[in-house]
Amino acid sequence: MRPYEVMIIYEPGLEEEAVRAAVDRSTQLIRAQGGSPGRIDRWGKRRLAYEINHQREGYYVLVEAAAEPAVMAALDRSLLLADEVLRHKVIRLPDRVAGRPSRAGAPAPFAASEAAERTQRPNGA
C-alpha cells in the first residue's frame, strides 16, 4: 500500500453534518476497497485563492490514506462526480515524507544522479 494525501474543498454553504457525511463516504470507499484511511484534518471554511463556480470560500478537508493506486483512482472518480465538491487533489506521498523507510539497498534517486555527475566531471570540479 502506498501513502496518499487527498485535499477536498467542499461548497461553503454545506452544513457541518453534510460535510461530515461526505467525508465519511470517502473514507468508507477507501476501506471497502482494502485501503486504510488515516488522519482526517478539517480546516474549516477558508477564502479561496480565486473564485470557483461563483464561490469565494470553501470548506477544506485533508485526508491521509494508505491504499493501492486503483483504490485512489476510484476515490478520485467519486469526488469528481460529487456535486458538493468544488475541487479535490489526490497526491501520492514519497516514502521519505510519509515516514516510511526507503527500500533497503536501493539508492535514493538524488544520490544516484549526484554520484553520476561526480564521475563525469574531471578532478571533482
C-alpha atoms as a PDB file:
ATOM      1  CA  MET A   1       0.000   0.000   0.000  1.00  0.00           C
ATOM      2  CA  ARG A   2       1.159   3.498  -0.798  1.00  0.00           C
ATOM      3  CA  PRO A   3       0.683   6.704   1.219  1.00  0.00           C
ATOM      4  CA  TYR A   4      -1.601   9.409  -0.177  1.00  0.00           C
ATOM      5  CA  GLU A   5      -2.970  12.812   0.775  1.00  0.00           C
ATOM      6  CA  VAL A   6      -6.338  13.953  -0.518  1.00  0.00           C
ATOM      7  CA  MET A   7      -7.282  17.631  -0.310  1.00  0.00           C
ATOM      8  CA  ILE A   8     -11.006  18.223  -0.777  1.00  0.00           C
ATOM      9  CA  ILE A   9     -12.710  21.611  -0.982  1.00  0.00           C
ATOM     10  CA  TYR A  10     -16.450  21.428  -0.354  1.00  0.00           C
ATOM     11  CA  GLU A  11     -19.046  24.097  -1.056  1.00  0.00           C
ATOM     12  CA  PRO A  12     -19.178  26.651   1.778  1.00  0.00           C
ATOM     13  CA  GLY A  13     -22.973  26.517   2.144  1.00  0.00           C
ATOM     14  CA  LEU A  14     -22.963  22.913   3.378  1.00  0.00           C
ATOM     15  CA  GLU A  15     -23.893  22.201   6.973  1.00  0.00           C
ATOM     16  CA  GLU A  16     -21.309  20.586   9.254  1.00  0.00           C
ATOM     17  CA  GLU A  17     -23.232  17.290   9.167  1.00  0.00           C
ATOM     18  CA  ALA A  18     -23.303  17.271   5.355  1.00  0.00           C
ATOM     19  CA  VAL A  19     -19.531  17.754   5.206  1.00  0.00           C
ATOM     20  CA  ARG A  20     -19.026  15.017   7.809  1.00  0.00           C
ATOM     21  CA  ALA A  21     -21.271  12.648   5.811  1.00  0.00           C
ATOM     22  CA  ALA A  22     -19.374  13.405   2.583  1.00  0.00           C
ATOM     23  CA  VAL A  23     -16.010  12.741   4.270  1.00  0.00           C
ATOM     24  CA  ASP A  24     -17.403   9.513   5.762  1.00  0.00           C
ATOM     25  CA  ARG A  25     -18.479   8.363   2.282  1.00  0.00           C
ATOM     26  CA  SER A  26     -14.936   8.923   1.033  1.00  0.00           C
ATOM     27  CA  THR A  27     -13.330   7.045   3.924  1.00  0.00           C
ATOM     28  CA  GLN A  28     -15.838   4.194   3.571  1.00  0.00           C
ATOM     29  CA  LEU A  29     -14.954   3.898  -0.116  1.00  0.00           C
ATOM     30  CA  ILE A  30     -11.265   3.621   0.809  1.00  0.00           C
ATOM     31  CA  ARG A  31     -11.983   0.979   3.492  1.00  0.00           C
ATOM     32  CA  ALA A  32     -14.346  -1.022   1.262  1.00  0.00           C
ATOM     33  CA  GLN A  33     -11.646  -1.479  -1.355  1.00  0.00           C
ATOM     34  CA  GLY A  34      -8.898  -2.534   1.049  1.00  0.00           C
ATOM     35  CA  GLY A  35      -7.263   0.795   1.882  1.00  0.00           C
ATOM     36  CA  SER A  36      -6.847   2.330   5.299  1.00  0.00           C
ATOM     37  CA  PRO A  37      -7.791   5.973   5.849  1.00  0.00           C
ATOM     38  CA  GLY A  38      -5.574   7.732   8.324  1.00  0.00           C
ATOM     39  CA  ARG A  39      -5.777  11.188   9.834  1.00  0.00           C
ATOM     40  CA  ILE A  40      -8.623  13.477   8.780  1.00  0.00           C
ATOM     41  CA  ASP A  41      -7.860  17.161   9.246  1.00  0.00           C
ATOM     42  CA  ARG A  42     -10.827  19.519   8.914  1.00  0.00           C
ATOM     43  CA  TRP A  43      -9.517  23.013   8.231  1.00  0.00           C
ATOM     44  CA  GLY A  44     -12.943  24.629   8.065  1.00  0.00           C
ATOM     45  CA  LYS A  45     -14.043  27.490   5.851  1.00  0.00           C
ATOM     46  CA  ARG A  46     -11.241  29.369   4.134  1.00  0.00           C
ATOM     47  CA  ARG A  47     -11.096  32.022   1.467  1.00  0.00           C
ATOM     48  CA  LEU A  48     -10.216  30.615  -1.951  1.00  0.00           C
ATOM     49  CA  ALA A  49      -7.258  31.974  -3.902  1.00  0.00           C
ATOM     50  CA  TYR A  50      -9.591  32.527  -6.849  1.00  0.00           C
ATOM     51  CA  GLU A  51     -13.306  32.205  -7.488  1.00  0.00           C
ATOM     52  CA  ILE A  52     -14.577  28.692  -8.297  1.00  0.00           C
ATOM     53  CA  ASN A  53     -18.164  28.244  -9.522  1.00  0.00           C
ATOM     54  CA  HIS A  54     -19.000  31.751  -8.269  1.00  0.00           C
ATOM     55  CA  GLN A  55     -17.803  30.810  -4.764  1.00  0.00           C
ATOM     56  CA  ARG A  56     -15.190  32.803  -2.867  1.00  0.00           C
ATOM     57  CA  GLU A  57     -14.933  30.416   0.108  1.00  0.00           C
ATOM     58  CA  GLY A  58     -14.687  26.681   0.548  1.00  0.00           C
ATOM     59  CA  TYR A  59     -14.671  24.107   3.339  1.00  0.00           C
ATOM     60  CA  TYR A  60     -11.244  22.427   3.322  1.00  0.00           C
ATOM     61  CA  VAL A  61     -10.636  18.838   4.430  1.00  0.00           C
ATOM     62  CA  LEU A  62      -7.325  16.946   4.269  1.00  0.00           C
ATOM     63  CA  VAL A  63      -7.470  13.131   4.342  1.00  0.00           C
ATOM     64  CA  GLU A  64      -4.413  10.924   4.691  1.00  0.00           C
ATOM     65  CA  ALA A  65      -4.718   7.339   3.495  1.00  0.00           C
ATOM     66  CA  ALA A  66      -2.714   4.262   2.600  1.00  0.00           C
ATOM     67  CA  ALA A  67      -4.088   2.356  -0.364  1.00  0.00           C
ATOM     68  CA  GLU A  68      -3.365   0.835  -3.740  1.00  0.00           C
ATOM     69  CA  PRO A  69      -3.462   3.097  -6.817  1.00  0.00           C
ATOM     70  CA  ALA A  70      -6.723   1.545  -8.067  1.00  0.00           C
ATOM     71  CA  VAL A  71      -8.470   2.487  -4.808  1.00  0.00           C
ATOM     72  CA  MET A  72      -7.357   6.086  -5.091  1.00  0.00           C
ATOM     73  CA  ALA A  73      -8.436   6.189  -8.741  1.00  0.00           C
ATOM     74  CA  ALA A  74     -11.920   5.111  -7.632  1.00  0.00           C
ATOM     75  CA  LEU A  75     -11.925   7.812  -4.930  1.00  0.00           C
ATOM     76  CA  ASP A  76     -10.769  10.392  -7.469  1.00  0.00           C
ATOM     77  CA  ARG A  77     -13.660   9.468  -9.753  1.00  0.00           C
ATOM     78  CA  SER A  78     -16.232   9.593  -6.960  1.00  0.00           C
ATOM     79  CA  LEU A  79     -15.008  13.047  -5.861  1.00  0.00           C
ATOM     80  CA  LEU A  80     -15.098  14.251  -9.463  1.00  0.00           C
ATOM     81  CA  LEU A  81     -18.767  13.238  -9.724  1.00  0.00           C
ATOM     82  CA  ALA A  82     -19.822  14.592  -6.301  1.00  0.00           C
ATOM     83  CA  ASP A  83     -21.883  17.776  -6.595  1.00  0.00           C
ATOM     84  CA  GLU A  84     -20.791  19.179  -3.218  1.00  0.00           C
ATOM     85  CA  VAL A  85     -17.060  19.102  -4.098  1.00  0.00           C
ATOM     86  CA  LEU A  86     -15.629  22.303  -5.601  1.00  0.00           C
ATOM     87  CA  ARG A  87     -12.103  20.917  -6.121  1.00  0.00           C
ATOM     88  CA  HIS A  88     -10.039  17.960  -4.992  1.00  0.00           C
ATOM     89  CA  LYS A  89      -6.496  16.719  -5.427  1.00  0.00           C
ATOM     90  CA  VAL A  90      -5.086  13.242  -4.762  1.00  0.00           C
ATOM     91  CA  ILE A  91      -1.336  13.205  -4.169  1.00  0.00           C
ATOM     92  CA  ARG A  92       0.911  10.181  -3.660  1.00  0.00           C
ATOM     93  CA  LEU A  93       3.427  10.955  -0.939  1.00  0.00           C
ATOM     94  CA  PRO A  94       7.068   9.928  -1.313  1.00  0.00           C
ATOM     95  CA  ASP A  95       8.122   7.215   1.117  1.00  0.00           C
ATOM     96  CA  ARG A  96      10.566   9.581   2.852  1.00  0.00           C
ATOM     97  CA  VAL A  97       7.843  12.145   3.589  1.00  0.00           C
ATOM     98  CA  ALA A  98       5.327   9.545   4.745  1.00  0.00           C
ATOM     99  CA  GLY A  99       7.709   8.356   7.444  1.00  0.00           C
ATOM    100  CA  ARG A 100       8.356   5.022   5.798  1.00  0.00           C
ATOM    101  CA  PRO A 101      11.930   3.890   5.232  1.00  0.00           C
ATOM    102  CA  SER A 102      13.067   3.627   1.629  1.00  0.00           C
ATOM    103  CA  ARG A 103      13.678   0.188   0.156  1.00  0.00           C
ATOM    104  CA  ALA A 104      16.804  -1.434   1.528  1.00  0.00           C
ATOM    105  CA  GLY A 105      19.678  -1.450  -0.902  1.00  0.00           C
ATOM    106  CA  ALA A 106      18.022   0.908  -3.375  1.00  0.00           C
ATOM    107  CA  PRO A 107      19.898   4.173  -3.769  1.00  0.00           C
ATOM    108  CA  ALA A 108      17.987   7.382  -3.432  1.00  0.00           C
ATOM    109  CA  PRO A 109      17.293   8.949  -6.845  1.00  0.00           C
ATOM    110  CA  PHE A 110      19.118  12.177  -5.957  1.00  0.00           C
ATOM    111  CA  ALA A 111      22.169  10.370  -4.586  1.00  0.00           C
ATOM    112  CA  ALA A 112      22.461   8.238  -7.733  1.00  0.00           C
ATOM    113  CA  SER A 113      22.298  11.234 -10.075  1.00  0.00           C
ATOM    114  CA  GLU A 114      24.752  13.166  -7.910  1.00  0.00           C
ATOM    115  CA  ALA A 115      27.223  10.273  -7.996  1.00  0.00           C
ATOM    116  CA  ALA A 116      26.911  10.067 -11.790  1.00  0.00           C
ATOM    117  CA  GLU A 117      27.691  13.772 -12.106  1.00  0.00           C
ATOM    118  CA  ARG A 118      30.807  13.445  -9.968  1.00  0.00           C
ATOM    119  CA  THR A 119      32.195  10.663 -12.140  1.00  0.00           C
ATOM    120  CA  GLN A 120      31.651  12.724 -15.305  1.00  0.00           C
ATOM    121  CA  ARG A 121      33.407  15.852 -14.019  1.00  0.00           C
ATOM    122  CA  PRO A 122      37.205  15.871 -14.157  1.00  0.00           C
ATOM    123  CA  ASN A 123      39.032  16.462 -10.863  1.00  0.00           C
ATOM    124  CA  GLY A 124      35.776  16.757  -8.904  1.00  0.00           C
ATOM    125  CA  ALA A 125      35.190  20.283 -10.250  1.00  0.00           C
END
